[in-house]
Protein backbone atom coordinates (compact mmCIF):
# COMPACT_ATOMS: atom_id res chain seq x y z
CA UNK A 1 0.00 0.00 0.00
CA UNK A 2 1.33 3.41 -0.90
CA UNK A 3 0.82 6.29 1.48
CA UNK A 4 -2.28 8.34 0.87
CA UNK A 5 -4.35 10.96 2.65
CA UNK A 6 -5.91 8.36 4.98
CA UNK A 7 -2.59 7.59 6.71
CA UNK A 8 -1.67 10.26 9.26
CA UNK A 9 2.12 10.13 9.53
CA UNK A 10 1.98 11.48 13.11
CA UNK A 11 0.28 8.25 14.25
CA UNK A 12 2.80 6.02 12.48
CA UNK A 13 6.34 4.86 13.22
CA UNK A 14 9.05 4.02 10.74
CA UNK A 15 10.10 0.38 10.93
CA UNK A 16 12.29 0.20 7.81
CA UNK A 17 13.98 2.65 5.44
CA UNK A 18 15.93 1.69 2.36
CA UNK A 19 17.15 3.17 -0.90
CA UNK A 20 15.80 -0.04 -2.46
CA UNK A 21 12.02 0.45 -2.78
CA UNK A 22 11.61 -3.20 -3.80
CA UNK A 23 12.97 -4.26 -0.40
CA UNK A 24 10.53 -1.93 1.36
CA UNK A 25 7.57 -3.25 -0.66
CA UNK A 26 8.62 -6.84 0.09
CA UNK A 27 8.84 -6.10 3.82
CA UNK A 28 5.42 -4.43 3.67
CA UNK A 29 3.90 -7.47 1.96
CA UNK A 30 5.34 -9.78 4.62
CA UNK A 31 3.96 -7.62 7.44
CA UNK A 32 0.57 -7.48 5.72
CA UNK A 33 0.53 -11.29 5.61
CA UNK A 34 1.14 -11.23 9.36
CA UNK A 35 -1.80 -8.89 9.92
CA UNK A 36 0.15 -5.64 10.36
CA UNK A 37 -1.02 -2.77 8.15
CA UNK A 38 1.87 -0.90 6.58
CA UNK A 39 2.22 2.31 4.62
CA UNK A 40 5.06 3.16 2.26
CA UNK A 41 6.24 6.77 2.16
CA UNK A 42 8.62 8.40 -0.32
CA UNK A 43 8.53 5.40 -2.66
CA UNK A 44 8.09 7.53 -5.78
CA UNK A 45 10.78 10.02 -4.74
CA UNK A 46 13.21 7.21 -4.02
CA UNK A 47 12.62 5.64 -7.44
CA UNK A 48 12.83 8.97 -9.22
CA UNK A 49 16.26 9.71 -7.75
CA UNK A 50 17.62 6.23 -8.41
CA UNK A 51 19.83 4.47 -5.90
CA UNK A 52 21.02 7.55 -4.03
CA UNK A 53 20.62 7.71 -0.28
CA UNK A 54 19.00 11.15 -0.54
CA UNK A 55 15.41 9.94 -0.18
CA UNK A 56 14.97 6.40 1.09
CA UNK A 57 11.59 4.71 0.84
CA UNK A 58 10.12 4.33 4.34
CA UNK A 59 7.87 1.60 5.71
CA UNK A 60 5.57 2.93 8.41
CA UNK A 61 3.13 1.09 10.68
CA UNK A 62 0.69 2.17 13.37
CA UNK A 63 2.65 3.12 16.50
CA UNK A 64 1.00 0.44 18.64
CA UNK A 65 2.26 -2.30 16.29
CA UNK A 66 5.77 -0.89 15.63
CA UNK A 67 7.68 -3.04 18.13
CA UNK A 68 6.01 -6.19 16.83
CA UNK A 69 6.69 -5.18 13.22
CA UNK A 70 10.37 -4.48 13.94
CA UNK A 71 10.75 -7.87 15.60
CA UNK A 72 9.16 -9.66 12.65
CA UNK A 73 11.35 -7.80 10.18
CA UNK A 74 14.45 -8.55 12.26
CA UNK A 75 13.60 -12.25 12.29
CA UNK A 76 13.19 -12.12 8.51
CA UNK A 77 16.60 -10.47 8.05
CA UNK A 78 15.51 -6.91 7.34
CA UNK A 79 17.62 -4.23 8.98
CA UNK A 80 16.71 -0.55 9.33
């Protein structure tokens, strides 16, 4: 899911950032399968600028699920 007006960034926490938007989308899909809703921010900007570290794509989840999401991603080998 790509960020839209229904996702208030102030209620979300970043659980993964990467200059590789494919990695962020994959992590989001895995969290979604585990029942954790994710939102991807800056995906388009990251792709537009190529593989520079200027604007990484960010995976955000609701703050109350952030610790759980980080643990799942860590177990799956994703590092922030």
